Amino acid sequence: MLRAIIERYPDLKASESFLRLQQALVDAEQRIALARDYFNEIATFYNTRLEIVPDRFVAGLARLHPATLMSASDFERAPVQVKLAS
């Protein structure tokens, strides 16, 4: 004799919205990383130009200073506060 029990669980709608939220956060982090890389590329080019001989003297007269590069470490990232609308 074989008995089988089938239980019906309700469809969880929250899991779909949570997955969309998670994907949106991942997309936002990727856009921030791309923007940081773009800024660092431009700042590196600017800093290099400040060291080239003709530009070096003009930069000294104009009191231009090297730009600092952006970086993000895990310890610098604050936890994201997410409030769900009910």
PDB file of N, CA and C in Angstrom:
ATOM      1  N   MET A   1       0.843  -1.173   0.000  1.00  0.00           N
ATOM      2  CA  MET A   1       0.000   0.000   0.000  1.00  0.00           C
ATOM      3  C   MET A   1       0.895   1.246   0.000  1.00  0.00           C
ATOM      4  N   LEU A   2       0.607   2.145  -0.873  1.00  0.00           N
ATOM      5  CA  LEU A   2       1.396   3.361  -1.036  1.00  0.00           C
ATOM      6  C   LEU A   2       0.469   4.553  -0.873  1.00  0.00           C
ATOM      7  N   ARG A   3       0.886   5.476  -0.013  1.00  0.00           N
ATOM      8  CA  ARG A   3       0.103   6.688   0.200  1.00  0.00           C
ATOM      9  C   ARG A   3       0.949   7.884  -0.210  1.00  0.00           C
ATOM     10  N   ALA A   4       0.319   8.812  -0.871  1.00  0.00           N
ATOM     11  CA  ALA A   4       1.005  10.043  -1.276  1.00  0.00           C
ATOM     12  C   ALA A   4       0.214  11.232  -0.757  1.00  0.00           C
ATOM     13  N   ILE A   5       0.929  12.162  -0.213  1.00  0.00           N
ATOM     14  CA  ILE A   5       0.285  13.377   0.287  1.00  0.00           C
ATOM     15  C   ILE A   5       0.788  14.544  -0.546  1.00  0.00           C
ATOM     16  N   ILE A   6      -0.133  15.295  -1.057  1.00  0.00           N
ATOM     17  CA  ILE A   6       0.208  16.470  -1.859  1.00  0.00           C
ATOM     18  C   ILE A   6      -0.286  17.697  -1.117  1.00  0.00           C
ATOM     19  N   GLU A   7       0.627  18.637  -0.909  1.00  0.00           N
ATOM     20  CA  GLU A   7       0.250  19.889  -0.256  1.00  0.00           C
ATOM     21  C   GLU A   7       0.324  21.008  -1.274  1.00  0.00           C
ATOM     22  N   ARG A   8      -0.625  21.880  -1.216  1.00  0.00           N
ATOM     23  CA  ARG A   8      -0.632  23.027  -2.129  1.00  0.00           C
ATOM     24  C   ARG A   8      -0.178  24.254  -1.355  1.00  0.00           C
ATOM     25  N   TYR A   9       0.860  24.858  -1.826  1.00  0.00           N
ATOM     26  CA  TYR A   9       1.369  26.077  -1.208  1.00  0.00           C
ATOM     27  C   TYR A   9       0.899  27.263  -2.038  1.00  0.00           C
ATOM     28  N   PRO A  10       0.604  28.369  -1.389  1.00  0.00           N
ATOM     29  CA  PRO A  10       0.175  29.543  -2.156  1.00  0.00           C
ATOM     30  C   PRO A  10       1.349  30.123  -2.946  1.00  0.00           C
ATOM     31  N   ASP A  11       1.021  30.768  -4.053  1.00  0.00           N
ATOM     32  CA  ASP A  11       2.062  31.427  -4.843  1.00  0.00           C
ATOM     33  C   ASP A  11       2.580  32.621  -4.055  1.00  0.00           C
ATOM     34  N   LEU A  12       3.882  32.686  -3.924  1.00  0.00           N
ATOM     35  CA  LEU A  12       4.482  33.799  -3.198  1.00  0.00           C
ATOM     36  C   LEU A  12       4.793  34.924  -4.175  1.00  0.00           C
ATOM     37  N   LYS A  13       4.042  35.976  -4.083  1.00  0.00           N
ATOM     38  CA  LYS A  13       4.246  37.122  -4.975  1.00  0.00           C
ATOM     39  C   LYS A  13       5.425  37.971  -4.513  1.00  0.00           C
ATOM     40  N   ALA A  14       5.747  37.894  -3.242  1.00  0.00           N
ATOM     41  CA  ALA A  14       6.839  38.710  -2.717  1.00  0.00           C
ATOM     42  C   ALA A  14       8.179  38.291  -3.304  1.00  0.00           C
ATOM     43  N   SER A  15       8.330  37.036  -3.649  1.00  0.00           N
ATOM     44  CA  SER A  15       9.617  36.589  -4.167  1.00  0.00           C
ATOM     45  C   SER A  15       9.923  37.247  -5.513  1.00  0.00           C
ATOM     46  N   GLU A  16       8.906  37.435  -6.349  1.00  0.00           N
ATOM     47  CA  GLU A  16       9.129  38.098  -7.636  1.00  0.00           C
ATOM     48  C   GLU A  16       9.521  39.556  -7.447  1.00  0.00           C
ATOM     49  N   SER A  17       8.837  40.264  -6.556  1.00  0.00           N
ATOM     50  CA  SER A  17       9.168  41.668  -6.333  1.00  0.00           C
ATOM     51  C   SER A  17      10.535  41.802  -5.666  1.00  0.00           C
ATOM     52  N   PHE A  18      10.883  40.857  -4.800  1.00  0.00           N
ATOM     53  CA  PHE A  18      12.203  40.896  -4.182  1.00  0.00           C
ATOM     54  C   PHE A  18      13.297  40.655  -5.213  1.00  0.00           C
ATOM     55  N   LEU A  19      13.076  39.747  -6.137  1.00  0.00           N
ATOM     56  CA  LEU A  19      14.053  39.499  -7.195  1.00  0.00           C
ATOM     57  C   LEU A  19      14.226  40.728  -8.080  1.00  0.00           C
ATOM     58  N   ARG A  20      13.125  41.426  -8.370  1.00  0.00           N
ATOM     59  CA  ARG A  20      13.231  42.664  -9.157  1.00  0.00           C
ATOM     60  C   ARG A  20      14.004  43.726  -8.393  1.00  0.00           C
ATOM     61  N   LEU A  21      13.737  43.847  -7.091  1.00  0.00           N
ATOM     62  CA  LEU A  21      14.467  44.809  -6.259  1.00  0.00           C
ATOM     63  C   LEU A  21      15.942  44.464  -6.211  1.00  0.00           C
ATOM     64  N   GLN A  22      16.248  43.196  -6.040  1.00  0.00           N
ATOM     65  CA  GLN A  22      17.644  42.754  -5.992  1.00  0.00           C
ATOM     66  C   GLN A  22      18.350  43.057  -7.310  1.00  0.00           C
ATOM     67  N   GLN A  23      17.684  42.818  -8.427  1.00  0.00           N
ATOM     68  CA  GLN A  23      18.280  43.102  -9.732  1.00  0.00           C
ATOM     69  C   GLN A  23      18.481  44.604  -9.923  1.00  0.00           C
ATOM     70  N   ALA A  24      17.533  45.407  -9.438  1.00  0.00           N
ATOM     71  CA  ALA A  24      17.671  46.860  -9.546  1.00  0.00           C
ATOM     72  C   ALA A  24      18.863  47.351  -8.732  1.00  0.00           C
ATOM     73  N   LEU A  25      19.083  46.777  -7.555  1.00  0.00           N
ATOM     74  CA  LEU A  25      20.239  47.166  -6.739  1.00  0.00           C
ATOM     75  C   LEU A  25      21.549  46.752  -7.397  1.00  0.00           C
ATOM     76  N   VAL A  26      21.577  45.586  -8.000  1.00  0.00           N
ATOM     77  CA  VAL A  26      22.775  45.133  -8.709  1.00  0.00           C
ATOM     78  C   VAL A  26      23.062  46.054  -9.892  1.00  0.00           C
ATOM     79  N   ASP A  27      22.019  46.418 -10.639  1.00  0.00           N
ATOM     80  CA  ASP A  27      22.196  47.325 -11.772  1.00  0.00           C
ATOM     81  C   ASP A  27      22.716  48.683 -11.318  1.00  0.00           C
ATOM     82  N   ALA A  28      22.189  49.199 -10.204  1.00  0.00           N
ATOM     83  CA  ALA A  28      22.647  50.489  -9.687  1.00  0.00           C
ATOM     84  C   ALA A  28      24.112  50.421  -9.275  1.00  0.00           C
ATOM     85  N   GLU A  29      24.511  49.351  -8.611  1.00  0.00           N
ATOM     86  CA  GLU A  29      25.914  49.200  -8.216  1.00  0.00           C
ATOM     87  C   GLU A  29      26.829  49.107  -9.431  1.00  0.00           C
ATOM     88  N   GLN A  30      26.383  48.441 -10.480  1.00  0.00           N
ATOM     89  CA  GLN A  30      27.195  48.345 -11.696  1.00  0.00           C
ATOM     90  C   GLN A  30      27.331  49.707 -12.371  1.00  0.00           C
ATOM     91  N   ARG A  31      26.254  50.493 -12.398  1.00  0.00           N
ATOM     92  CA  ARG A  31      26.342  51.833 -13.000  1.00  0.00           C
ATOM     93  C   ARG A  31      27.281  52.731 -12.201  1.00  0.00           C
ATOM     94  N   ILE A  32      27.241  52.617 -10.868  1.00  0.00           N
ATOM     95  CA  ILE A  32      28.145  53.405 -10.023  1.00  0.00           C
ATOM     96  C   ILE A  32      29.589  53.001 -10.277  1.00  0.00           C
ATOM     97  N   ALA A  33      29.848  51.708 -10.407  1.00  0.00           N
ATOM     98  CA  ALA A  33      31.215  51.234 -10.673  1.00  0.00           C
ATOM     99  C   ALA A  33      31.711  51.719 -12.032  1.00  0.00           C
ATOM    100  N   LEU A  34      30.841  51.710 -13.035  1.00  0.00           N
ATOM    101  CA  LEU A  34      31.235  52.219 -14.356  1.00  0.00           C
ATOM    102  C   LEU A  34      31.532  53.711 -14.306  1.00  0.00           C
ATOM    103  N   ALA A  35      30.710  54.468 -13.586  1.00  0.00           N
ATOM    104  CA  ALA A  35      30.944  55.909 -13.464  1.00  0.00           C
ATOM    105  C   ALA A  35      32.243  56.186 -12.723  1.00  0.00           C
ATOM    106  N   ARG A  36      32.543  55.401 -11.685  1.00  0.00           N
ATOM    107  CA  ARG A  36      33.795  55.571 -10.942  1.00  0.00           C
ATOM    108  C   ARG A  36      34.987  55.270 -11.835  1.00  0.00           C
ATOM    109  N   ASP A  37      34.906  54.214 -12.643  1.00  0.00           N
ATOM    110  CA  ASP A  37      35.989  53.880 -13.567  1.00  0.00           C
ATOM    111  C   ASP A  37      36.192  54.981 -14.605  1.00  0.00           C
ATOM    112  N   TYR A  38      35.093  55.545 -15.099  1.00  0.00           N
ATOM    113  CA  TYR A  38      35.179  56.626 -16.079  1.00  0.00           C
ATOM    114  C   TYR A  38      35.845  57.848 -15.462  1.00  0.00           C
ATOM    115  N   PHE A  39      35.454  58.205 -14.234  1.00  0.00           N
ATOM    116  CA  PHE A  39      36.070  59.337 -13.551  1.00  0.00           C
ATOM    117  C   PHE A  39      37.557  59.100 -13.332  1.00  0.00           C
ATOM    118  N   ASN A  40      37.914  57.904 -12.887  1.00  0.00           N
ATOM    119  CA  ASN A  40      39.321  57.599 -12.633  1.00  0.00           C
ATOM    120  C   ASN A  40      40.147  57.644 -13.911  1.00  0.00           C
ATOM    121  N   GLU A  41      39.559  57.232 -15.027  1.00  0.00           N
ATOM    122  CA  GLU A  41      40.271  57.302 -16.304  1.00  0.00           C
ATOM    123  C   GLU A  41      40.557  58.752 -16.692  1.00  0.00           C
ATOM    124  N   ILE A  42      39.570  59.613 -16.534  1.00  0.00           N
ATOM    125  CA  ILE A  42      39.750  61.034 -16.866  1.00  0.00           C
ATOM    126  C   ILE A  42      40.730  61.687 -15.892  1.00  0.00           C
ATOM    127  N   ALA A  43      40.622  61.372 -14.594  1.00  0.00           N
ATOM    128  CA  ALA A  43      41.526  61.955 -13.605  1.00  0.00           C
ATOM    129  C   ALA A  43      42.963  61.501 -13.836  1.00  0.00           C
ATOM    130  N   THR A  44      43.163  60.255 -14.238  1.00  0.00           N
ATOM    131  CA  THR A  44      44.509  59.763 -14.541  1.00  0.00           C
ATOM    132  C   THR A  44      45.083  60.486 -15.748  1.00  0.00           C
ATOM    133  N   PHE A  45      44.272  60.703 -16.772  1.00  0.00           N
ATOM    134  CA  PHE A  45      44.724  61.448 -17.948  1.00  0.00           C
ATOM    135  C   PHE A  45      45.100  62.880 -17.559  1.00  0.00           C
ATOM    136  N   TYR A  46      44.271  63.510 -16.726  1.00  0.00           N
ATOM    137  CA  TYR A  46      44.538  64.873 -16.243  1.00  0.00           C
ATOM    138  C   TYR A  46      45.839  64.920 -15.443  1.00  0.00           C
ATOM    139  N   ASN A  47      46.025  63.966 -14.532  1.00  0.00           N
ATOM    140  CA  ASN A  47      47.240  63.934 -13.717  1.00  0.00           C
ATOM    141  C   ASN A  47      48.478  63.699 -14.575  1.00  0.00           C
ATOM    142  N   THR A  48      48.351  62.886 -15.604  1.00  0.00           N
ATOM    143  CA  THR A  48      49.469  62.652 -16.515  1.00  0.00           C
ATOM    144  C   THR A  48      49.813  63.923 -17.270  1.00  0.00           C
ATOM    145  N   ARG A  49      48.795  64.641 -17.721  1.00  0.00           N
ATOM    146  CA  ARG A  49      49.036  65.898 -18.446  1.00  0.00           C
ATOM    147  C   ARG A  49      49.725  66.933 -17.566  1.00  0.00           C
ATOM    148  N   LEU A  50      49.456  66.910 -16.254  1.00  0.00           N
ATOM    149  CA  LEU A  50      50.102  67.858 -15.342  1.00  0.00           C
ATOM    150  C   LEU A  50      51.597  67.576 -15.203  1.00  0.00           C
ATOM    151  N   GLU A  51      52.043  66.395 -15.586  1.00  0.00           N
ATOM    152  CA  GLU A  51      53.454  66.038 -15.468  1.00  0.00           C
ATOM    153  C   GLU A  51      54.229  66.218 -16.771  1.00  0.00           C
ATOM    154  N   ILE A  52      53.544  66.429 -17.874  1.00  0.00           N
ATOM    155  CA  ILE A  52      54.211  66.622 -19.156  1.00  0.00           C
ATOM    156  C   ILE A  52      54.786  68.042 -19.185  1.00  0.00           C
ATOM    157  N   VAL A  53      55.977  68.174 -19.763  1.00  0.00           N
ATOM    158  CA  VAL A  53      56.752  69.405 -19.652  1.00  0.00           C
ATOM    159  C   VAL A  53      56.011  70.674 -20.083  1.00  0.00           C
ATOM    160  N   PRO A  54      55.425  70.808 -21.256  1.00  0.00           N
ATOM    161  CA  PRO A  54      54.806  72.110 -21.522  1.00  0.00           C
ATOM    162  C   PRO A  54      53.609  72.391 -20.619  1.00  0.00           C
ATOM    163  N   ASP A  55      52.832  71.357 -20.336  1.00  0.00           N
ATOM    164  CA  ASP A  55      51.644  71.548 -19.507  1.00  0.00           C
ATOM    165  C   ASP A  55      51.996  71.749 -18.039  1.00  0.00           C
ATOM    166  N   ARG A  56      53.141  71.240 -17.639  1.00  0.00           N
ATOM    167  CA  ARG A  56      53.567  71.346 -16.246  1.00  0.00           C
ATOM    168  C   ARG A  56      53.758  72.795 -15.830  1.00  0.00           C
ATOM    169  N   PHE A  57      54.340  73.600 -16.718  1.00  0.00           N
ATOM    170  CA  PHE A  57      54.585  75.008 -16.379  1.00  0.00           C
ATOM    171  C   PHE A  57      53.292  75.812 -16.381  1.00  0.00           C
ATOM    172  N   VAL A  58      52.416  75.510 -17.318  1.00  0.00           N
ATOM    173  CA  VAL A  58      51.124  76.202 -17.360  1.00  0.00           C
ATOM    174  C   VAL A  58      50.290  75.819 -16.137  1.00  0.00           C
ATOM    175  N   ALA A  59      50.345  74.556 -15.750  1.00  0.00           N
ATOM    176  CA  ALA A  59      49.610  74.109 -14.573  1.00  0.00           C
ATOM    177  C   ALA A  59      50.137  74.778 -13.308  1.00  0.00           C
ATOM    178  N   GLY A  60      51.439  74.994 -13.244  1.00  0.00           N
ATOM    179  CA  GLY A  60      52.019  75.685 -12.096  1.00  0.00           C
ATOM    180  C   GLY A  60      51.560  77.128 -12.030  1.00  0.00           C
ATOM    181  N   LEU A  61      51.492  77.795 -13.180  1.00  0.00           N
ATOM    182  CA  LEU A  61      51.013  79.176 -13.215  1.00  0.00           C
ATOM    183  C   LEU A  61      49.522  79.264 -12.859  1.00  0.00           C
ATOM    184  N   ALA A  62      48.769  78.298 -13.291  1.00  0.00           N
ATOM    185  CA  ALA A  62      47.324  78.297 -13.033  1.00  0.00           C
ATOM    186  C   ALA A  62      46.984  77.669 -11.686  1.00  0.00           C
ATOM    187  N   ARG A  63      48.005  77.211 -10.957  1.00  0.00           N
ATOM    188  CA  ARG A  63      47.830  76.569  -9.647  1.00  0.00           C
ATOM    189  C   ARG A  63      46.891  75.364  -9.715  1.00  0.00           C
ATOM    190  N   LEU A  64      47.090  74.542 -10.725  1.00  0.00           N
ATOM    191  CA  LEU A  64      46.316  73.312 -10.866  1.00  0.00           C
ATOM    192  C   LEU A  64      46.981  72.208 -10.052  1.00  0.00           C
ATOM    193  N   HIS A  65      46.176  71.386  -9.418  1.00  0.00           N
ATOM    194  CA  HIS A  65      46.680  70.298  -8.583  1.00  0.00           C
ATOM    195  C   HIS A  65      46.164  68.966  -9.119  1.00  0.00           C
ATOM    196  N   PRO A  66      46.912  67.902  -8.868  1.00  0.00           N
ATOM    197  CA  PRO A  66      46.445  66.581  -9.325  1.00  0.00           C
ATOM    198  C   PRO A  66      45.117  66.194  -8.673  1.00  0.00           C
ATOM    199  N   ALA A  67      44.301  65.498  -9.418  1.00  0.00           N
ATOM    200  CA  ALA A  67      43.014  65.019  -8.918  1.00  0.00           C
ATOM    201  C   ALA A  67      43.211  63.712  -8.161  1.00  0.00           C
ATOM    202  N   THR A  68      42.412  63.505  -7.143  1.00  0.00           N
ATOM    203  CA  THR A  68      42.463  62.242  -6.410  1.00  0.00           C
ATOM    204  C   THR A  68      41.518  61.245  -7.069  1.00  0.00           C
ATOM    205  N   LEU A  69      41.929  59.999  -7.061  1.00  0.00           N
ATOM    206  CA  LEU A  69      41.126  58.951  -7.678  1.00  0.00           C
ATOM    207  C   LEU A  69      40.092  58.427  -6.686  1.00  0.00           C
ATOM    208  N   MET A  70      38.968  57.995  -7.213  1.00  0.00           N
ATOM    209  CA  MET A  70      37.912  57.423  -6.377  1.00  0.00           C
ATOM    210  C   MET A  70      38.155  55.933  -6.196  1.00  0.00           C
ATOM    211  N   SER A  71      37.856  55.452  -5.003  1.00  0.00           N
ATOM    212  CA  SER A  71      37.946  54.019  -4.754  1.00  0.00           C
ATOM    213  C   SER A  71      36.843  53.647  -3.781  1.00  0.00           C
ATOM    214  N   ALA A  72      36.408  52.418  -3.860  1.00  0.00           N
ATOM    215  CA  ALA A  72      35.384  51.919  -2.952  1.00  0.00           C
ATOM    216  C   ALA A  72      35.842  50.588  -2.397  1.00  0.00           C
ATOM    217  N   SER A  73      35.876  50.520  -1.100  1.00  0.00           N
ATOM    218  CA  SER A  73      36.214  49.266  -0.425  1.00  0.00           C
ATOM    219  C   SER A  73      34.963  48.745   0.259  1.00  0.00           C
ATOM    220  N   ASP A  74      35.004  47.511   0.641  1.00  0.00           N
ATOM    221  CA  ASP A  74      33.839  46.918   1.297  1.00  0.00           C
ATOM    222  C   ASP A  74      33.515  47.615   2.616  1.00  0.00           C
ATOM    223  N   PHE A  75      34.548  48.043   3.332  1.00  0.00           N
ATOM    224  CA  PHE A  75      34.286  48.658   4.623  1.00  0.00           C
ATOM    225  C   PHE A  75      33.742  50.079   4.468  1.00  0.00           C
ATOM    226  N   GLU A  76      33.884  50.698   3.314  1.00  0.00           N
ATOM    227  CA  GLU A  76      33.369  52.049   3.095  1.00  0.00           C
ATOM    228  C   GLU A  76      31.892  52.052   2.713  1.00  0.00           C
ATOM    229  N   ARG A  77      31.400  50.926   2.287  1.00  0.00           N
ATOM    230  CA  ARG A  77      30.022  50.861   1.828  1.00  0.00           C
ATOM    231  C   ARG A  77      29.077  50.766   3.009  1.00  0.00           C
ATOM    232  N   ALA A  78      28.120  51.656   3.047  1.00  0.00           N
ATOM    233  CA  ALA A  78      27.116  51.634   4.104  1.00  0.00           C
ATOM    234  C   ALA A  78      26.012  50.658   3.713  1.00  0.00           C
ATOM    235  N   PRO A  79      25.363  50.046   4.681  1.00  0.00           N
ATOM    236  CA  PRO A  79      24.257  49.150   4.341  1.00  0.00           C
ATOM    237  C   PRO A  79      23.102  49.942   3.729  1.00  0.00           C
ATOM    238  N   VAL A  80      22.472  49.363   2.753  1.00  0.00           N
ATOM    239  CA  VAL A  80      21.380  50.024   2.057  1.00  0.00           C
ATOM    240  C   VAL A  80      20.089  49.818   2.837  1.00  0.00           C
ATOM    241  N   GLN A  81      19.396  50.925   3.129  1.00  0.00           N
ATOM    242  CA  GLN A  81      18.117  50.847   3.801  1.00  0.00           C
ATOM    243  C   GLN A  81      17.021  50.785   2.759  1.00  0.00           C
ATOM    244  N   VAL A  82      16.257  49.721   2.762  1.00  0.00           N
ATOM    245  CA  VAL A  82      15.205  49.527   1.770  1.00  0.00           C
ATOM    246  C   VAL A  82      13.871  49.489   2.497  1.00  0.00           C
ATOM    247  N   LYS A  83      12.960  50.357   2.063  1.00  0.00           N
ATOM    248  CA  LYS A  83      11.615  50.374   2.634  1.00  0.00           C
ATOM    249  C   LYS A  83      10.650  49.936   1.555  1.00  0.00           C
ATOM    250  N   LEU A  84       9.889  48.922   1.840  1.00  0.00           N
ATOM    251  CA  LEU A  84       8.926  48.415   0.878  1.00  0.00           C
ATOM    252  C   LEU A  84       7.584  49.087   1.100  1.00  0.00           C
ATOM    253  N   ALA A  85       6.974  49.502   0.008  1.00  0.00           N
ATOM    254  CA  ALA A  85       5.651  50.102   0.094  1.00  0.00           C
ATOM    255  C   ALA A  85       4.634  48.988   0.249  1.00  0.00           C
ATOM    256  N   SER A  86       3.711  49.199   1.161  1.00  0.00           N
ATOM    257  CA  SER A  86       2.715  48.141   1.365  1.00  0.00           C
ATOM    258  C   SER A  86       1.396  48.478   0.725  1.00  0.00           C
TER     259      SER A  86
END
